[in-house]
Protein backbone atom coordinates (compact mmCIF):
# COMPACT_ATOMS: atom_id res chain seq x y z
CA UNK A 1 17.86 14.79 -9.17
CA UNK A 2 21.29 14.18 -7.56
CA UNK A 3 23.60 16.84 -6.18
CA UNK A 4 27.14 15.94 -5.14
CA UNK A 5 27.83 18.07 -2.07
CA UNK A 6 31.24 16.85 -0.95
CA UNK A 7 33.98 14.31 -1.55
CA UNK A 8 36.01 13.20 1.45
CA UNK A 9 39.64 14.24 1.06
CA UNK A 10 41.33 10.97 1.94
CA UNK A 11 38.93 8.38 0.51
CA UNK A 12 36.38 7.90 -2.23
CA UNK A 13 33.46 8.61 0.12
CA UNK A 14 30.82 11.03 -1.21
CA UNK A 15 28.15 13.14 0.44
CA UNK A 16 25.17 14.10 -1.67
CA UNK A 17 21.49 14.81 -1.88
CA UNK A 18 18.82 13.14 -3.99
CA UNK A 19 15.59 15.02 -4.70
CA UNK A 20 12.34 13.14 -5.39
CA UNK A 21 8.64 13.99 -5.56
CA UNK A 22 8.22 12.47 -2.10
CA UNK A 23 11.09 14.19 -0.37
CA UNK A 24 14.81 14.81 -0.24
CA UNK A 25 17.18 11.93 0.55
CA UNK A 26 20.58 12.54 2.10
CA UNK A 27 23.27 10.25 0.70
CA UNK A 28 24.81 7.78 1.41
CA UNK A 29 21.68 5.99 2.62
CA UNK A 30 20.26 2.59 3.45
CA UNK A 31 16.86 1.32 2.26
CA UNK A 32 14.92 -1.02 4.56
CA UNK A 33 13.54 -3.83 2.42
CA UNK A 34 9.77 -4.07 2.29
CA UNK A 35 9.40 -6.84 -0.28
CA UNK A 36 5.60 -7.02 -0.08
CA UNK A 37 5.19 -3.28 0.60
CA UNK A 38 5.87 -3.98 4.28
CA UNK A 39 9.12 -4.16 6.24
CA UNK A 40 8.71 -7.38 8.19
CA UNK A 41 7.78 -6.91 11.88
CA UNK A 42 7.64 -3.11 11.54
CA UNK A 43 5.07 -0.46 10.68
CA UNK A 44 5.68 2.61 8.57
CA UNK A 45 5.37 4.63 11.78
CA UNK A 46 8.33 2.62 13.08
CA UNK A 47 10.32 3.49 9.97
CA UNK A 48 9.63 7.17 10.52
CA UNK A 49 10.64 6.89 14.18
CA UNK A 50 14.03 5.46 13.21
CA UNK A 51 14.32 8.19 10.53
CA UNK A 52 14.36 5.91 7.50
CA UNK A 53 14.39 8.14 4.44
CA UNK A 54 13.16 5.60 1.90
CA UNK A 55 11.72 2.10 1.57
CA UNK A 56 12.32 -0.58 -1.07
CA UNK A 57 9.63 -2.87 -2.46
CA UNK A 58 9.65 -5.72 -4.95
CA UNK A 59 7.91 -5.58 -8.32
CA UNK A 60 7.68 -9.35 -8.78
CA UNK A 61 5.95 -9.99 -5.47
CA UNK A 62 3.57 -7.02 -5.73
CA UNK A 63 2.66 -7.99 -9.29
CA UNK A 64 1.55 -11.39 -8.01
CA UNK A 65 -0.08 -10.13 -4.80
CA UNK A 66 -2.12 -7.98 -4.41
CA UNK A 67 -1.86 -7.35 -8.18
CA UNK A 68 -1.72 -4.20 -10.23
CA UNK A 69 -5.49 -3.69 -10.33
CA UNK A 70 -5.70 -3.07 -6.60
CA UNK A 71 -2.57 -0.93 -6.40
CA UNK A 72 -3.66 1.16 -9.37
CA UNK A 73 -7.08 1.72 -7.77
CA UNK A 74 -5.31 2.90 -4.61
CA UNK A 75 -3.30 5.45 -6.57
CA UNK A 76 0.00 3.60 -6.49
CA UNK A 77 2.15 2.25 -3.68
CA UNK A 78 2.13 5.48 -1.71
CA UNK A 79 -1.66 5.56 -1.66
CA UNK A 80 -1.92 1.84 -1.02
CA UNK A 81 0.44 1.81 1.96
CA UNK A 82 0.16 5.31 3.40
CA UNK A 83 3.95 5.73 3.24
CA UNK A 84 4.53 9.30 2.09
CA UNK A 85 8.30 9.19 1.70
CA UNK A 86 10.36 7.96 -1.29
CA UNK A 87 10.13 4.38 -2.56
CA UNK A 88 12.46 2.41 -4.80
CA UNK A 89 11.17 -0.67 -6.59
CA UNK A 90 13.43 -3.31 -8.06
CA UNK A 91 12.38 -5.03 -11.26
CA UNK A 92 11.81 -8.45 -9.76
CA UNK A 93 14.41 -9.79 -12.16
CA UNK A 94 16.47 -11.40 -9.43
CA UNK A 95 13.39 -13.19 -8.07
CA UNK A 96 12.43 -14.39 -11.55
CA UNK A 97 15.92 -15.66 -12.34
CA UNK A 98 16.18 -17.46 -9.02
CA UNK A 99 13.24 -19.60 -10.14
CA UNK A 100 15.49 -21.68 -12.39
CA UNK A 101 13.03 -24.55 -12.77
CA UNK A 102 10.04 -22.28 -13.25
CA UNK A 103 11.22 -19.87 -15.93
CA UNK A 104 12.33 -19.67 -19.55
CA UNK A 105 14.40 -16.75 -20.78
CA UNK A 106 14.84 -15.27 -24.27
CA UNK A 107 15.90 -11.92 -25.68
CA UNK A 108 12.23 -10.96 -25.78
CA UNK A 109 11.71 -11.44 -22.04
CA UNK A 110 11.14 -14.03 -19.32
CA UNK A 111 8.34 -16.57 -19.10
CA UNK A 112 7.91 -17.76 -15.54
CA UNK A 113 5.51 -19.60 -13.32
CA UNK A 114 4.32 -18.05 -10.10
CA UNK A 115 5.81 -19.64 -7.00
CA UNK A 116 2.39 -19.15 -5.41
CA UNK A 117 -0.05 -20.90 -7.74
CA UNK A 118 1.96 -22.00 -10.77
CA UNK A 119 0.24 -19.57 -13.18
CA UNK A 120 2.34 -18.50 -16.17
CA UNK A 121 3.41 -14.87 -16.65
CA UNK A 122 5.64 -13.09 -19.15
CA UNK A 123 7.87 -10.17 -18.18
CA UNK A 124 9.34 -7.98 -20.90
CA UNK A 125 11.41 -4.85 -20.24
CA UNK A 126 8.44 -2.76 -21.36
CA UNK A 127 5.97 -4.59 -19.12
CA UNK A 128 8.19 -4.13 -16.07
CA UNK A 129 8.34 -0.38 -16.74
CA UNK A 130 4.54 -0.34 -17.06
CA UNK A 131 4.19 -2.17 -13.73
CA UNK A 132 6.53 0.26 -12.01
CA UNK A 133 4.64 3.19 -13.52
CA UNK A 134 1.51 1.85 -11.79
CA UNK A 135 3.44 1.36 -8.55
CA UNK A 136 4.46 5.02 -8.76
CA UNK A 137 7.81 4.48 -7.05
CA UNK A 138 10.29 7.34 -7.11
CA UNK A 139 13.18 5.23 -8.38
CA UNK A 140 12.72 2.21 -10.62
CA UNK A 141 15.01 -0.57 -11.75
CA UNK A 142 14.76 -2.09 -15.25
CA UNK A 143 14.59 -5.78 -16.05
CA UNK A 144 18.11 -7.22 -16.25
CA UNK A 145 19.68 -10.66 -16.33
CA UNK A 146 21.61 -11.55 -13.21
CA UNK A 147 24.27 -14.17 -13.92
CA UNK A 148 24.70 -16.77 -11.15
CA UNK A 149 27.89 -17.51 -9.27
CA UNK A 150 29.85 -19.33 -10.38
CA UNK A 151 29.33 -18.94 -14.13
CA UNK A 152 31.62 -19.28 -17.11
CA UNK A 153 32.68 -16.38 -19.30
CA UNK A 154 30.20 -17.16 -22.09
CA UNK A 155 27.26 -17.16 -19.66
CA UNK A 156 28.39 -13.89 -18.08
CA UNK A 157 28.86 -12.31 -21.50
CA UNK A 158 25.37 -13.32 -22.57
CA UNK A 159 23.90 -11.75 -19.45
CA UNK A 160 25.73 -8.49 -20.27
CA UNK A 161 24.42 -8.52 -23.85
CA UNK A 162 20.86 -9.21 -22.75
CA UNK A 163 21.00 -6.64 -19.94
CA UNK A 164 22.13 -3.98 -22.44
CA UNK A 165 19.39 -4.95 -24.89
CA UNK A 166 16.75 -4.78 -22.20
CA UNK A 167 18.17 -1.54 -20.79
CA UNK A 168 17.79 0.14 -24.19
CA UNK A 169 14.21 -1.07 -24.55
CA UNK A 170 13.41 -0.04 -20.97
CA UNK A 171 14.77 3.47 -21.55
CA UNK A 172 12.84 3.90 -24.78
CA UNK A 173 9.59 2.76 -23.18
CA UNK A 174 10.27 4.85 -20.08
CA UNK A 175 10.55 7.98 -22.22
CA UNK A 176 7.37 7.12 -24.13
CA UNK A 177 5.34 6.73 -20.94
CA UNK A 178 6.87 9.54 -18.89
CA UNK A 179 4.01 11.97 -19.47
CA UNK A 180 1.57 9.49 -17.91
CA UNK A 181 3.24 9.34 -14.49
CA UNK A 182 4.68 11.40 -11.69
CA UNK A 183 8.40 12.06 -11.85
CA UNK A 184 10.30 8.80 -11.61
CA UNK A 185 13.99 8.07 -12.02
CA UNK A 186 15.19 5.09 -14.05
CA UNK A 187 18.45 3.41 -13.09
CA UNK A 188 20.74 1.39 -15.32
CA UNK A 189 22.16 -1.88 -14.00
CA UNK A 190 25.73 -3.04 -14.65
CA UNK A 191 26.34 -6.78 -14.93
CA UNK A 192 29.39 -8.88 -15.83
CA UNK A 193 29.81 -11.32 -12.94
CA UNK A 194 33.42 -11.57 -11.74
CA UNK A 195 35.02 -10.68 -15.09
CA UNK A 196 36.71 -7.27 -15.23
CA UNK A 197 36.43 -6.75 -18.97
CA UNK A 198 32.73 -7.65 -18.94
CA UNK A 199 32.03 -5.31 -16.02
CA UNK A 200 33.74 -2.45 -17.83
CA UNK A 201 31.99 -3.30 -21.08
CA UNK A 202 28.61 -3.39 -19.35
CA UNK A 203 29.28 -0.05 -17.65
CA UNK A 204 30.24 1.54 -20.95
CA UNK A 205 27.15 0.23 -22.73
CA UNK A 206 24.74 1.19 -19.93
CA UNK A 207 26.25 4.68 -19.59
CA UNK A 208 26.01 5.18 -23.35
CA UNK A 209 22.25 4.64 -23.12
CA UNK A 210 22.13 7.14 -20.25
CA UNK A 211 20.26 6.74 -16.94
CA UNK A 212 19.37 8.81 -13.89
CA UNK A 213 21.52 6.59 -11.68
CA UNK A 214 23.72 3.52 -11.96
CA UNK A 215 23.45 0.26 -10.04
CA UNK A 216 25.97 -2.54 -9.69
CA UNK A 217 23.99 -5.77 -9.95
CA UNK A 218 24.93 -9.43 -9.83
CA UNK A 219 26.80 -9.09 -6.55
CA UNK A 220 26.21 -10.83 -3.24
CA UNK A 221 25.04 -13.92 -5.15
CA UNK A 222 27.47 -16.31 -3.48
CA UNK A 223 30.82 -14.98 -4.64
CA UNK A 224 33.62 -14.38 -2.10
CA UNK A 225 33.51 -10.90 -0.57
CA UNK A 226 36.91 -10.09 -2.04
CA UNK A 227 35.48 -10.68 -5.53
CA UNK A 228 32.54 -8.42 -4.74
CA UNK A 229 34.83 -5.53 -3.85
CA UNK A 230 37.00 -6.06 -6.91
CA UNK A 231 33.94 -4.99 -8.86
CA UNK A 232 34.08 -1.61 -7.13
CA UNK A 233 37.80 -1.28 -7.83
CA UNK A 234 37.05 -1.71 -11.51
CA UNK A 235 33.93 0.44 -11.80
CA UNK A 236 34.39 3.42 -9.50
CA UNK A 237 36.90 5.17 -11.80
CA UNK A 238 34.49 5.06 -14.75
CA UNK A 239 31.09 5.84 -13.20
CA UNK A 240 29.94 9.47 -13.57
CA UNK A 241 30.19 11.63 -10.46
CA UNK A 242 26.91 13.45 -11.11
CA UNK A 243 24.72 10.36 -10.73
CA UNK A 244 23.87 8.25 -7.65
CA UNK A 245 25.56 4.85 -7.35
CA UNK A 246 23.66 1.86 -6.00
CA UNK A 247 25.35 -1.32 -4.70
CA UNK A 248 22.43 -3.73 -4.98
CA UNK A 249 21.70 -6.14 -2.13
CA UNK A 250 24.66 -5.08 0.05
CA UNK A 251 24.98 -5.90 2.87
CA UNK A 252 26.53 -6.31 6.29
CA UNK A 253 27.57 -3.16 8.22
CA UNK A 254 31.29 -3.57 7.51
CA UNK A 255 30.56 -4.10 3.81
CA UNK A 256 28.55 -0.88 3.68
CA UNK A 257 31.28 1.08 5.48
CA UNK A 258 33.89 -0.30 3.08
CA UNK A 259 31.77 0.39 -0.01
CA UNK A 260 31.04 3.98 1.04
CA UNK A 261 34.78 4.51 1.27
CA UNK A 262 35.03 3.44 -2.36
CA UNK A 263 32.33 5.85 -3.53
CA UNK A 264 28.95 4.09 -3.26
CA UNK A 265 25.79 5.99 -2.24
CA UNK A 266 22.86 3.57 -1.95
CA UNK A 267 22.40 0.24 -0.18
CA UNK A 268 19.67 -2.28 0.61
CA UNK A 269 19.56 -5.63 2.33
CA UNK A 270 17.00 -7.76 4.13
CA UNK A 271 19.58 -8.76 6.76
CA UNK A 272 18.48 -6.37 9.55
CA UNK A 273 14.95 -7.77 9.48
CA UNK A 274 15.88 -11.38 8.69
CA UNK A 275 18.50 -11.53 11.43
CA UNK A 276 16.11 -9.77 13.81
CA UNK A 277 13.46 -12.43 13.27
CA UNK A 278 16.07 -15.08 14.08
CA UNK A 279 17.26 -13.49 17.32
CA UNK A 280 20.39 -11.66 16.17
CA UNK A 281 21.14 -7.98 16.80
CA UNK A 282 23.71 -5.76 15.08
CA UNK A 283 26.17 -3.56 16.98
CA UNK A 284 29.48 -1.83 16.23
CA UNK A 285 31.17 -4.71 18.06
CA UNK A 286 29.61 -7.28 15.74
CA UNK A 287 26.51 -9.43 16.02
CA UNK A 288 24.81 -10.49 19.26
CA UNK A 289 22.94 -13.78 19.13
CA UNK A 290 20.38 -12.95 21.79
CA UNK A 291 19.18 -16.55 21.99
CA UNK A 292 22.49 -17.65 23.47
CA UNK A 293 22.36 -18.80 27.11
CA UNK A 294 24.92 -16.18 28.20
CA UNK A 295 22.21 -13.51 27.91
CA UNK A 296 19.64 -15.23 30.14
CA UNK A 297 20.68 -13.06 33.12
CA UNK A 298 22.02 -10.09 31.17
CA UNK A 299 19.95 -7.09 32.24
CA UNK A 300 21.75 -4.60 30.06
CA UNK A 301 20.50 -3.21 26.72
CA UNK A 302 20.99 -4.94 23.39
CA UNK A 303 23.58 -2.30 22.51
CA UNK A 304 24.85 0.07 25.22
CA UNK A 305 25.88 2.58 22.54
CA UNK A 306 22.41 2.68 20.94
CA UNK A 307 19.74 5.27 21.73
CA UNK A 308 16.76 3.54 20.10
CA UNK A 309 13.62 2.97 22.19
CA UNK A 310 14.39 -0.76 22.44
CA UNK A 311 17.83 -0.23 23.94
CA UNK A 312 16.50 2.44 26.28
CA UNK A 313 13.64 0.33 27.65
CA UNK A 314 14.33 -3.41 27.31
CA UNK A 315 17.02 -5.80 28.51
CA UNK A 316 18.80 -8.58 26.68
CA UNK A 317 17.38 -11.03 29.22
CA UNK A 318 13.78 -10.04 28.55
CA UNK A 319 14.20 -9.91 24.78
CA UNK A 320 15.87 -13.33 24.88
CA UNK A 321 12.93 -14.69 26.88
CA UNK A 322 10.48 -13.43 24.25
CA UNK A 323 12.58 -14.62 21.32
CA UNK A 324 13.04 -18.11 22.82
CA UNK A 325 9.26 -18.39 23.02
CA UNK A 326 8.95 -17.00 19.48
CA UNK A 327 6.80 -14.18 20.81
CA UNK A 328 6.25 -11.68 18.01
CA UNK A 329 7.09 -8.82 20.37
CA UNK A 330 10.62 -10.13 20.93
CA UNK A 331 11.33 -10.52 17.22
CA UNK A 332 9.86 -7.10 16.57
CA UNK A 333 12.07 -5.48 19.23
CA UNK A 334 15.26 -6.93 17.75
CA UNK A 335 14.17 -5.99 14.22
CA UNK A 336 13.37 -2.43 15.31
CA UNK A 337 16.83 -2.09 16.86
CA UNK A 338 18.53 -3.52 13.76
CA UNK A 339 16.82 -1.18 11.32
CA UNK A 340 17.52 1.76 13.64
CA UNK A 341 21.16 0.64 13.82
CA UNK A 342 21.52 0.61 10.02
CA UNK A 343 19.80 3.97 9.53
CA UNK A 344 21.84 5.53 12.34
CA UNK A 345 25.05 4.06 10.91
CA UNK A 346 24.36 5.90 7.67
CA UNK A 347 23.87 9.15 9.59
CA UNK A 348 27.23 8.65 11.30
CA UNK A 349 28.78 7.91 7.91
CA UNK A 350 27.40 11.15 6.46
CA UNK A 351 28.72 13.14 9.41
CA UNK A 352 32.18 11.59 9.03
CA UNK A 353 32.27 12.55 5.35
CA UNK A 354 31.12 16.10 6.09
CA UNK A 355 33.95 16.54 8.60
CA UNK A 356 36.63 15.00 6.36
CA UNK A 357 37.33 12.16 8.77
CA UNK A 358 35.78 9.23 6.93
CA UNK A 359 39.05 7.42 6.38
CA UNK A 360 39.63 7.31 10.13
CA UNK A 361 36.00 6.42 10.80
CA UNK A 362 36.19 3.50 8.38
CA UNK A 363 39.44 2.18 9.83
CA UNK A 364 38.20 2.37 13.41
CA UNK A 365 34.81 0.85 12.57
CA UNK A 366 36.25 -2.14 10.71
CA UNK A 367 38.64 -2.90 13.57
CA UNK A 368 35.87 -2.67 16.21
CA UNK A 369 33.60 -4.83 14.08
CA UNK A 370 36.43 -7.36 13.79
CA UNK A 371 35.95 -7.30 10.03
CA UNK A 372 38.01 -9.19 7.47
CA UNK A 373 37.78 -6.02 5.39
CA UNK A 374 39.92 -4.03 7.86
């Protein structure tokens, strides 16, 4: 599955390759988020144009709409969408747990009410695996319990215990059903909130069960960024080198650059598309709020350093005009640029690791981005 090709000499950055039934993925990589099997404002042709290697979809949302019957009839997500490259699906656990008033949790699973129509549903670790088998995604995440921020020690400890319990059940059911599906890889998720001993305990328990890859969950849930990166300080020395490492829900460009330097391989966030739909573009110099009046007569590209089709053909002034009027084309153009920016950033990161200059790349990038992580 995963091959470690190189470790950068002066940092923790890693260069690898991840093989799936739907193609090879070069690591580190970024996954555009297609919650409903669609990356907002973009087509799958757009994703191929920007050289996205993989797409991420959400089990919870797809379970509710269009439902498993339709996706199964289509032959899984790849057949349903026409996307022929790798897909990762998360368990939907984060979405379920965010519905605090609409769900009830026990060691058996989670009872929740749909945010769409109020109908009751029950997710168990086994049922989530079954759903993701139908989806046919290349990498699947098990049901876990994400502790909120802030939370006390007892609450964080309970989430670790439950996550381990569910991870064991997920693995057992995954092995029982493996013959019925194409090759899929099951990841284990490490919880523990902001408590070092709980993070290390969770890692030990999840690694003892054994998974194809390891994800750090329960981050980017409102905690200070410094607390988020403490988690990497604690966990990087203990995670196995022969498995991919996934920092779930991260993040901003400077956070990704910093996390790669500490040894992470996989990232996802909805920020490129969400910010794009609200008139904000990403660049190495930081964010550009295109809606601002200063760009009304700016006839330069969104990002002079970018070679995407948007930056080659459209001006900030024109894109601002469209975005101010909430024209779909304007929001689409910014979103296209943002996703291209993220995917291209990962390519630059891989090149820096290959040439043993990642430490310098990271330092220069964080300074240019005016990051607090510099």
